Amino acid sequence: MDIAGVSMALAQISQLSQVGTAVLSKAMDANEALGEGIVEMMDSAMELSVNPNVGANIDLRI
């Protein structure tokens, strides 16, 4: 392989690595937003509960 071919191959590998890193960054951002949405949904579900004390205690008789 000549020097020009090696140079082109290295440039292509570098570019593919940069693209992979950018895609991974976007996926991480999306997962972070999804996690924040789930937390907000859980918080709002607790606030909308009709009777928040139901299910908090268990009566046991022995």
PDB file of N, CA and C in Angstrom:
ATOM      1  N   MET A   1       0.849  -1.171   0.000  1.00  0.00           N
ATOM      2  CA  MET A   1       0.000   0.000   0.000  1.00  0.00           C
ATOM      3  C   MET A   1       0.899   1.240   0.000  1.00  0.00           C
ATOM      4  N   ASP A   2       0.544   2.212  -0.749  1.00  0.00           N
ATOM      5  CA  ASP A   2       1.352   3.430  -0.821  1.00  0.00           C
ATOM      6  C   ASP A   2       0.962   4.409   0.293  1.00  0.00           C
ATOM      7  N   ILE A   3       1.724   5.474   0.418  1.00  0.00           N
ATOM      8  CA  ILE A   3       1.513   6.451   1.480  1.00  0.00           C
ATOM      9  C   ILE A   3       0.163   7.135   1.336  1.00  0.00           C
ATOM     10  N   ALA A   4      -0.263   7.435   0.136  1.00  0.00           N
ATOM     11  CA  ALA A   4      -1.550   8.091  -0.073  1.00  0.00           C
ATOM     12  C   ALA A   4      -2.700   7.183   0.371  1.00  0.00           C
ATOM     13  N   GLY A   5      -2.602   5.904   0.078  1.00  0.00           N
ATOM     14  CA  GLY A   5      -3.642   4.959   0.489  1.00  0.00           C
ATOM     15  C   GLY A   5      -3.733   4.832   1.997  1.00  0.00           C
ATOM     16  N   VAL A   6      -2.576   4.771   2.643  1.00  0.00           N
ATOM     17  CA  VAL A   6      -2.547   4.689   4.104  1.00  0.00           C
ATOM     18  C   VAL A   6      -3.131   5.958   4.711  1.00  0.00           C
ATOM     19  N   SER A   7      -2.792   7.089   4.166  1.00  0.00           N
ATOM     20  CA  SER A   7      -3.304   8.363   4.656  1.00  0.00           C
ATOM     21  C   SER A   7      -4.822   8.421   4.519  1.00  0.00           C
ATOM     22  N   MET A   8      -5.342   7.981   3.384  1.00  0.00           N
ATOM     23  CA  MET A   8      -6.794   7.988   3.178  1.00  0.00           C
ATOM     24  C   MET A   8      -7.490   7.021   4.140  1.00  0.00           C
ATOM     25  N   ALA A   9      -6.876   5.872   4.366  1.00  0.00           N
ATOM     26  CA  ALA A   9      -7.465   4.893   5.285  1.00  0.00           C
ATOM     27  C   ALA A   9      -7.500   5.443   6.713  1.00  0.00           C
ATOM     28  N   LEU A  10      -6.434   6.075   7.137  1.00  0.00           N
ATOM     29  CA  LEU A  10      -6.399   6.667   8.483  1.00  0.00           C
ATOM     30  C   LEU A  10      -7.409   7.793   8.620  1.00  0.00           C
ATOM     31  N   ALA A  11      -7.566   8.609   7.587  1.00  0.00           N
ATOM     32  CA  ALA A  11      -8.548   9.692   7.629  1.00  0.00           C
ATOM     33  C   ALA A  11      -9.961   9.126   7.728  1.00  0.00           C
ATOM     34  N   GLN A  12     -10.219   8.041   6.996  1.00  0.00           N
ATOM     35  CA  GLN A  12     -11.545   7.421   7.032  1.00  0.00           C
ATOM     36  C   GLN A  12     -11.818   6.834   8.417  1.00  0.00           C
ATOM     37  N   ILE A  13     -10.843   6.182   9.001  1.00  0.00           N
ATOM     38  CA  ILE A  13     -11.008   5.609  10.343  1.00  0.00           C
ATOM     39  C   ILE A  13     -11.259   6.714  11.355  1.00  0.00           C
ATOM     40  N   SER A  14     -10.543   7.814  11.245  1.00  0.00           N
ATOM     41  CA  SER A  14     -10.735   8.940  12.158  1.00  0.00           C
ATOM     42  C   SER A  14     -12.133   9.519  12.024  1.00  0.00           C
ATOM     43  N   GLN A  15     -12.582   9.666  10.780  1.00  0.00           N
ATOM     44  CA  GLN A  15     -13.922  10.219  10.557  1.00  0.00           C
ATOM     45  C   GLN A  15     -14.997   9.277  11.090  1.00  0.00           C
ATOM     46  N   LEU A  16     -14.841   7.977  10.877  1.00  0.00           N
ATOM     47  CA  LEU A  16     -15.821   7.016  11.401  1.00  0.00           C
ATOM     48  C   LEU A  16     -15.846   7.029  12.922  1.00  0.00           C
ATOM     49  N   SER A  17     -14.694   7.208  13.528  1.00  0.00           N
ATOM     50  CA  SER A  17     -14.633   7.294  14.988  1.00  0.00           C
ATOM     51  C   SER A  17     -15.361   8.539  15.493  1.00  0.00           C
ATOM     52  N   GLN A  18     -15.188   9.660  14.803  1.00  0.00           N
ATOM     53  CA  GLN A  18     -15.872  10.888  15.197  1.00  0.00           C
ATOM     54  C   GLN A  18     -17.380  10.754  15.031  1.00  0.00           C
ATOM     55  N   VAL A  19     -17.807  10.110  13.961  1.00  0.00           N
ATOM     56  CA  VAL A  19     -19.245   9.904  13.744  1.00  0.00           C
ATOM     57  C   VAL A  19     -19.813   8.991  14.824  1.00  0.00           C
ATOM     58  N   GLY A  20     -19.111   7.924  15.154  1.00  0.00           N
ATOM     59  CA  GLY A  20     -19.564   7.023  16.204  1.00  0.00           C
ATOM     60  C   GLY A  20     -19.684   7.719  17.548  1.00  0.00           C
ATOM     61  N   THR A  21     -18.718   8.576  17.857  1.00  0.00           N
ATOM     62  CA  THR A  21     -18.762   9.326  19.108  1.00  0.00           C
ATOM     63  C   THR A  21     -19.942  10.286  19.134  1.00  0.00           C
ATOM     64  N   ALA A  22     -20.214  10.933  17.996  1.00  0.00           N
ATOM     65  CA  ALA A  22     -21.341  11.867  17.931  1.00  0.00           C
ATOM     66  C   ALA A  22     -22.671  11.135  18.101  1.00  0.00           C
ATOM     67  N   VAL A  23     -22.806   9.960  17.483  1.00  0.00           N
ATOM     68  CA  VAL A  23     -24.037   9.175  17.618  1.00  0.00           C
ATOM     69  C   VAL A  23     -24.215   8.713  19.058  1.00  0.00           C
ATOM     70  N   LEU A  24     -23.144   8.275  19.687  1.00  0.00           N
ATOM     71  CA  LEU A  24     -23.214   7.852  21.082  1.00  0.00           C
ATOM     72  C   LEU A  24     -23.610   9.010  21.987  1.00  0.00           C
ATOM     73  N   SER A  25     -23.084  10.187  21.718  1.00  0.00           N
ATOM     74  CA  SER A  25     -23.442  11.369  22.506  1.00  0.00           C
ATOM     75  C   SER A  25     -24.923  11.690  22.378  1.00  0.00           C
ATOM     76  N   LYS A  26     -25.457  11.605  21.151  1.00  0.00           N
ATOM     77  CA  LYS A  26     -26.890  11.855  20.946  1.00  0.00           C
ATOM     78  C   LYS A  26     -27.726  10.815  21.680  1.00  0.00           C
ATOM     79  N   ALA A  27     -27.308   9.555  21.658  1.00  0.00           N
ATOM     80  CA  ALA A  27     -28.045   8.504  22.350  1.00  0.00           C
ATOM     81  C   ALA A  27     -28.030   8.733  23.859  1.00  0.00           C
ATOM     82  N   MET A  28     -26.905   9.159  24.390  1.00  0.00           N
ATOM     83  CA  MET A  28     -26.827   9.434  25.823  1.00  0.00           C
ATOM     84  C   MET A  28     -27.717  10.602  26.205  1.00  0.00           C
ATOM     85  N   ASP A  29     -27.748  11.641  25.370  1.00  0.00           N
ATOM     86  CA  ASP A  29     -28.625  12.789  25.634  1.00  0.00           C
ATOM     87  C   ASP A  29     -30.092  12.364  25.620  1.00  0.00           C
ATOM     88  N   ALA A  30     -30.453  11.511  24.658  1.00  0.00           N
ATOM     89  CA  ALA A  30     -31.836  11.043  24.572  1.00  0.00           C
ATOM     90  C   ALA A  30     -32.203  10.214  25.797  1.00  0.00           C
ATOM     91  N   ASN A  31     -31.298   9.352  26.245  1.00  0.00           N
ATOM     92  CA  ASN A  31     -31.575   8.534  27.423  1.00  0.00           C
ATOM     93  C   ASN A  31     -31.679   9.389  28.685  1.00  0.00           C
ATOM     94  N   GLU A  32     -30.870  10.423  28.769  1.00  0.00           N
ATOM     95  CA  GLU A  32     -30.948  11.315  29.929  1.00  0.00           C
ATOM     96  C   GLU A  32     -32.301  12.034  29.965  1.00  0.00           C
ATOM     97  N   ALA A  33     -32.743  12.509  28.806  1.00  0.00           N
ATOM     98  CA  ALA A  33     -34.045  13.180  28.734  1.00  0.00           C
ATOM     99  C   ALA A  33     -35.176  12.211  29.067  1.00  0.00           C
ATOM    100  N   LEU A  34     -35.061  10.978  28.603  1.00  0.00           N
ATOM    101  CA  LEU A  34     -36.071   9.968  28.905  1.00  0.00           C
ATOM    102  C   LEU A  34     -36.124   9.680  30.404  1.00  0.00           C
ATOM    103  N   GLY A  35     -34.964   9.575  31.026  1.00  0.00           N
ATOM    104  CA  GLY A  35     -34.908   9.348  32.468  1.00  0.00           C
ATOM    105  C   GLY A  35     -35.522  10.492  33.254  1.00  0.00           C
ATOM    106  N   GLU A  36     -35.242  11.717  32.832  1.00  0.00           N
ATOM    107  CA  GLU A  36     -35.836  12.880  33.507  1.00  0.00           C
ATOM    108  C   GLU A  36     -37.356  12.875  33.335  1.00  0.00           C
ATOM    109  N   GLY A  37     -37.825  12.477  32.166  1.00  0.00           N
ATOM    110  CA  GLY A  37     -39.264  12.394  31.930  1.00  0.00           C
ATOM    111  C   GLY A  37     -39.929  11.361  32.816  1.00  0.00           C
ATOM    112  N   ILE A  38     -39.256  10.228  33.012  1.00  0.00           N
ATOM    113  CA  ILE A  38     -39.812   9.178  33.869  1.00  0.00           C
ATOM    114  C   ILE A  38     -39.893   9.668  35.317  1.00  0.00           C
ATOM    115  N   VAL A  39     -38.861  10.365  35.776  1.00  0.00           N
ATOM    116  CA  VAL A  39     -38.865  10.892  37.144  1.00  0.00           C
ATOM    117  C   VAL A  39     -39.994  11.900  37.317  1.00  0.00           C
ATOM    118  N   GLU A  40     -40.174  12.793  36.345  1.00  0.00           N
ATOM    119  CA  GLU A  40     -41.254  13.774  36.424  1.00  0.00           C
ATOM    120  C   GLU A  40     -42.623  13.084  36.420  1.00  0.00           C
ATOM    121  N   MET A  41     -42.766  12.032  35.615  1.00  0.00           N
ATOM    122  CA  MET A  41     -44.030  11.314  35.551  1.00  0.00           C
ATOM    123  C   MET A  41     -44.332  10.642  36.890  1.00  0.00           C
ATOM    124  N   MET A  42     -43.320  10.070  37.520  1.00  0.00           N
ATOM    125  CA  MET A  42     -43.532   9.426  38.816  1.00  0.00           C
ATOM    126  C   MET A  42     -43.895  10.457  39.880  1.00  0.00           C
ATOM    127  N   ASP A  43     -43.233  11.610  39.843  1.00  0.00           N
ATOM    128  CA  ASP A  43     -43.549  12.664  40.810  1.00  0.00           C
ATOM    129  C   ASP A  43     -44.978  13.169  40.630  1.00  0.00           C
ATOM    130  N   SER A  44     -45.390  13.379  39.390  1.00  0.00           N
ATOM    131  CA  SER A  44     -46.741  13.883  39.156  1.00  0.00           C
ATOM    132  C   SER A  44     -47.788  12.830  39.500  1.00  0.00           C
ATOM    133  N   ALA A  45     -47.477  11.560  39.336  1.00  0.00           N
ATOM    134  CA  ALA A  45     -48.426  10.506  39.682  1.00  0.00           C
ATOM    135  C   ALA A  45     -48.657  10.462  41.193  1.00  0.00           C
ATOM    136  N   MET A  46     -47.622  10.722  41.965  1.00  0.00           N
ATOM    137  CA  MET A  46     -47.772  10.729  43.418  1.00  0.00           C
ATOM    138  C   MET A  46     -48.590  11.934  43.866  1.00  0.00           C
ATOM    139  N   GLU A  47     -48.458  13.054  43.182  1.00  0.00           N
ATOM    140  CA  GLU A  47     -49.204  14.255  43.552  1.00  0.00           C
ATOM    141  C   GLU A  47     -50.683  14.114  43.219  1.00  0.00           C
ATOM    142  N   LEU A  48     -51.014  13.354  42.189  1.00  0.00           N
ATOM    143  CA  LEU A  48     -52.391  13.208  41.754  1.00  0.00           C
ATOM    144  C   LEU A  48     -53.128  12.089  42.478  1.00  0.00           C
ATOM    145  N   SER A  49     -52.452  11.407  43.375  1.00  0.00           N
ATOM    146  CA  SER A  49     -53.087  10.316  44.097  1.00  0.00           C
ATOM    147  C   SER A  49     -54.250  10.849  44.934  1.00  0.00           C
ATOM    148  N   VAL A  50     -55.377  10.139  44.893  1.00  0.00           N
ATOM    149  CA  VAL A  50     -56.560  10.563  45.629  1.00  0.00           C
ATOM    150  C   VAL A  50     -56.316  10.469  47.128  1.00  0.00           C
ATOM    151  N   ASN A  51     -55.768   9.360  47.560  1.00  0.00           N
ATOM    152  CA  ASN A  51     -55.490   9.160  48.968  1.00  0.00           C
ATOM    153  C   ASN A  51     -54.056   8.633  49.086  1.00  0.00           C
ATOM    154  N   PRO A  52     -53.091   9.497  49.333  1.00  0.00           N
ATOM    155  CA  PRO A  52     -51.695   9.066  49.331  1.00  0.00           C
ATOM    156  C   PRO A  52     -51.337   8.110  50.467  1.00  0.00           C
ATOM    157  N   ASN A  53     -52.204   8.004  51.504  1.00  0.00           N
ATOM    158  CA  ASN A  53     -51.899   7.115  52.620  1.00  0.00           C
ATOM    159  C   ASN A  53     -52.320   5.670  52.357  1.00  0.00           C
ATOM    160  N   VAL A  54     -53.130   5.456  51.346  1.00  0.00           N
ATOM    161  CA  VAL A  54     -53.573   4.090  51.036  1.00  0.00           C
ATOM    162  C   VAL A  54     -52.378   3.303  50.510  1.00  0.00           C
ATOM    163  N   GLY A  55     -52.159   2.156  51.083  1.00  0.00           N
ATOM    164  CA  GLY A  55     -51.056   1.302  50.663  1.00  0.00           C
ATOM    165  C   GLY A  55     -49.764   1.576  51.392  1.00  0.00           C
ATOM    166  N   ALA A  56     -49.735   2.599  52.229  1.00  0.00           N
ATOM    167  CA  ALA A  56     -48.515   2.931  52.938  1.00  0.00           C
ATOM    168  C   ALA A  56     -48.342   2.068  54.191  1.00  0.00           C
ATOM    169  N   ASN A  57     -49.446   1.534  54.734  1.00  0.00           N
ATOM    170  CA  ASN A  57     -49.397   0.748  55.956  1.00  0.00           C
ATOM    171  C   ASN A  57     -50.031  -0.614  55.727  1.00  0.00           C
ATOM    172  N   ILE A  58     -49.577  -1.584  56.497  1.00  0.00           N
ATOM    173  CA  ILE A  58     -50.146  -2.927  56.430  1.00  0.00           C
ATOM    174  C   ILE A  58     -50.593  -3.313  57.841  1.00  0.00           C
ATOM    175  N   ASP A  59     -51.846  -3.734  57.977  1.00  0.00           N
ATOM    176  CA  ASP A  59     -52.367  -4.204  59.250  1.00  0.00           C
ATOM    177  C   ASP A  59     -52.131  -5.721  59.345  1.00  0.00           C
ATOM    178  N   LEU A  60     -51.420  -6.131  60.363  1.00  0.00           N
ATOM    179  CA  LEU A  60     -51.149  -7.556  60.563  1.00  0.00           C
ATOM    180  C   LEU A  60     -51.717  -7.998  61.900  1.00  0.00           C
ATOM    181  N   ARG A  61     -52.374  -9.153  61.889  1.00  0.00           N
ATOM    182  CA  ARG A  61     -52.869  -9.748  63.149  1.00  0.00           C
ATOM    183  C   ARG A  61     -52.309 -11.156  63.249  1.00  0.00           C
ATOM    184  N   ILE A  62     -51.781 -11.428  64.420  1.00  0.00           N
ATOM    185  CA  ILE A  62     -51.205 -12.764  64.621  1.00  0.00           C
ATOM    186  C   ILE A  62     -52.026 -13.494  65.657  1.00  0.00           C
TER     187      ILE A  62
END
